[in-house]
Amino acid sequence: MIGHSDDIALISDSPMALQNMTTELQNNAAKVGLRISAEKTKAMAVGNTQALSLSVDHKDIEFVGHFQYPETVMQIMTYIHE
């Protein structure tokens, strides 16, 4: 999991594991009064994308072809890998 401000990126090599991570995040957020918006949440898949689905609160999450993640997080990731 990568986080910045109120954005979070969940990364997995398995659709089932990603759904489990999403559900766990949703449950933990609810414990402190937060909610994940299915309308604002986007997913991106690399590789075999046949029959992929992901949901939050029984609502489907939109899959997109690309997205821009905050630049500061990318700088942190670069620093960690050096």
C-alpha atoms as a PDB file:
ATOM      1  CA  MET A   1       0.000   0.000   0.000  1.00  0.00           C
ATOM      2  CA  ILE A   2       1.235   3.476  -0.909  1.00  0.00           C
ATOM      3  CA  GLY A   3      -0.416   6.535   0.591  1.00  0.00           C
ATOM      4  CA  HIS A   4      -0.284  10.275   0.050  1.00  0.00           C
ATOM      5  CA  SER A   5      -2.629  12.842   1.573  1.00  0.00           C
ATOM      6  CA  ASP A   6      -6.066  11.259   1.165  1.00  0.00           C
ATOM      7  CA  ASP A   7      -4.999   9.028  -1.753  1.00  0.00           C
ATOM      8  CA  ILE A   8      -4.044   5.383  -1.375  1.00  0.00           C
ATOM      9  CA  ALA A   9      -2.709   2.945  -3.960  1.00  0.00           C
ATOM     10  CA  LEU A  10      -3.236  -0.753  -3.311  1.00  0.00           C
ATOM     11  CA  ILE A  11      -0.975  -2.997  -5.370  1.00  0.00           C
ATOM     12  CA  SER A  12      -1.383  -6.733  -5.861  1.00  0.00           C
ATOM     13  CA  ASP A  13      -0.577  -9.446  -8.384  1.00  0.00           C
ATOM     14  CA  SER A  14      -3.900 -11.198  -7.724  1.00  0.00           C
ATOM     15  CA  PRO A  15      -7.423  -9.842  -8.329  1.00  0.00           C
ATOM     16  CA  MET A  16      -8.734 -11.783  -5.318  1.00  0.00           C
ATOM     17  CA  ALA A  17      -6.002 -10.420  -3.062  1.00  0.00           C
ATOM     18  CA  LEU A  18      -6.721  -6.894  -4.304  1.00  0.00           C
ATOM     19  CA  GLN A  19     -10.420  -7.265  -3.523  1.00  0.00           C
ATOM     20  CA  ASN A  20      -9.527  -8.580  -0.060  1.00  0.00           C
ATOM     21  CA  MET A  21      -7.212  -5.591   0.514  1.00  0.00           C
ATOM     22  CA  THR A  22      -9.952  -3.222  -0.653  1.00  0.00           C
ATOM     23  CA  THR A  23     -12.522  -4.798   1.659  1.00  0.00           C
ATOM     24  CA  GLU A  24     -10.106  -4.715   4.597  1.00  0.00           C
ATOM     25  CA  LEU A  25      -9.344  -1.050   3.928  1.00  0.00           C
ATOM     26  CA  GLN A  26     -13.061  -0.297   3.718  1.00  0.00           C
ATOM     27  CA  ASN A  27     -13.743  -2.076   7.025  1.00  0.00           C
ATOM     28  CA  ASN A  28     -10.870  -0.343   8.836  1.00  0.00           C
ATOM     29  CA  ALA A  29     -11.852   3.058   7.447  1.00  0.00           C
ATOM     30  CA  ALA A  30     -15.413   2.557   8.692  1.00  0.00           C
ATOM     31  CA  LYS A  31     -14.107   1.926  12.222  1.00  0.00           C
ATOM     32  CA  VAL A  32     -12.889   5.526  12.369  1.00  0.00           C
ATOM     33  CA  GLY A  33     -15.826   7.053  10.532  1.00  0.00           C
ATOM     34  CA  LEU A  34     -14.336   7.185   7.039  1.00  0.00           C
ATOM     35  CA  ARG A  35     -15.884   5.937   3.804  1.00  0.00           C
ATOM     36  CA  ILE A  36     -14.367   4.886   0.482  1.00  0.00           C
ATOM     37  CA  SER A  37     -16.233   6.442  -2.424  1.00  0.00           C
ATOM     38  CA  ALA A  38     -16.780   3.902  -5.225  1.00  0.00           C
ATOM     39  CA  GLU A  39     -17.519   6.828  -7.550  1.00  0.00           C
ATOM     40  CA  LYS A  40     -14.122   8.461  -6.914  1.00  0.00           C
ATOM     41  CA  THR A  41     -12.136   5.215  -6.722  1.00  0.00           C
ATOM     42  CA  LYS A  42     -10.383   4.009  -9.883  1.00  0.00           C
ATOM     43  CA  ALA A  43      -8.549   0.787 -10.679  1.00  0.00           C
ATOM     44  CA  MET A  44      -5.879   0.017 -13.231  1.00  0.00           C
ATOM     45  CA  ALA A  45      -4.725  -3.415 -14.361  1.00  0.00           C
ATOM     46  CA  VAL A  46      -1.521  -4.378 -16.140  1.00  0.00           C
ATOM     47  CA  GLY A  47      -1.315  -7.595 -18.115  1.00  0.00           C
ATOM     48  CA  ASN A  48      -4.239  -9.994 -18.419  1.00  0.00           C
ATOM     49  CA  THR A  49      -7.313  -7.924 -17.658  1.00  0.00           C
ATOM     50  CA  GLN A  50     -10.036 -10.333 -18.749  1.00  0.00           C
ATOM     51  CA  ALA A  51     -13.041 -10.564 -16.445  1.00  0.00           C
ATOM     52  CA  LEU A  52     -11.583  -8.318 -13.753  1.00  0.00           C
ATOM     53  CA  SER A  53     -13.955  -6.690 -11.323  1.00  0.00           C
ATOM     54  CA  LEU A  54     -13.432  -4.811  -8.106  1.00  0.00           C
ATOM     55  CA  SER A  55     -16.027  -3.348  -5.768  1.00  0.00           C
ATOM     56  CA  VAL A  56     -16.461  -1.131  -2.739  1.00  0.00           C
ATOM     57  CA  ASP A  57     -19.632  -1.433  -0.700  1.00  0.00           C
ATOM     58  CA  HIS A  58     -21.187  -3.639  -3.432  1.00  0.00           C
ATOM     59  CA  LYS A  59     -20.567  -0.964  -6.083  1.00  0.00           C
ATOM     60  CA  ASP A  60     -18.268  -1.619  -9.047  1.00  0.00           C
ATOM     61  CA  ILE A  61     -15.063   0.369  -9.322  1.00  0.00           C
ATOM     62  CA  GLU A  62     -14.237   1.834 -12.733  1.00  0.00           C
ATOM     63  CA  PHE A  63     -11.137   0.483 -14.483  1.00  0.00           C
ATOM     64  CA  VAL A  64      -9.005   3.063 -16.313  1.00  0.00           C
ATOM     65  CA  GLY A  65      -6.111   2.792 -18.755  1.00  0.00           C
ATOM     66  CA  HIS A  66      -3.843   5.233 -16.894  1.00  0.00           C
ATOM     67  CA  PHE A  67      -3.748   7.586 -13.934  1.00  0.00           C
ATOM     68  CA  GLN A  68      -1.421  10.151 -12.466  1.00  0.00           C
ATOM     69  CA  TYR A  69      -0.372   9.575  -8.884  1.00  0.00           C
ATOM     70  CA  PRO A  70       0.995  12.464  -6.790  1.00  0.00           C
ATOM     71  CA  GLU A  71       4.559  13.362  -7.758  1.00  0.00           C
ATOM     72  CA  THR A  72       5.796  13.389  -4.159  1.00  0.00           C
ATOM     73  CA  VAL A  73       5.013   9.704  -3.764  1.00  0.00           C
ATOM     74  CA  MET A  74       6.993   8.876  -6.888  1.00  0.00           C
ATOM     75  CA  GLN A  75       9.942  10.801  -5.460  1.00  0.00           C
ATOM     76  CA  ILE A  76       9.696   8.852  -2.209  1.00  0.00           C
ATOM     77  CA  MET A  77       9.569   5.546  -4.105  1.00  0.00           C
ATOM     78  CA  THR A  78      12.651   6.537  -6.123  1.00  0.00           C
ATOM     79  CA  TYR A  79      14.505   7.422  -2.930  1.00  0.00           C
ATOM     80  CA  ILE A  80      13.621   4.079  -1.321  1.00  0.00           C
ATOM     81  CA  HIS A  81      14.820   2.064  -4.339  1.00  0.00           C
ATOM     82  CA  GLU A  82      18.202   3.844  -4.593  1.00  0.00           C
END
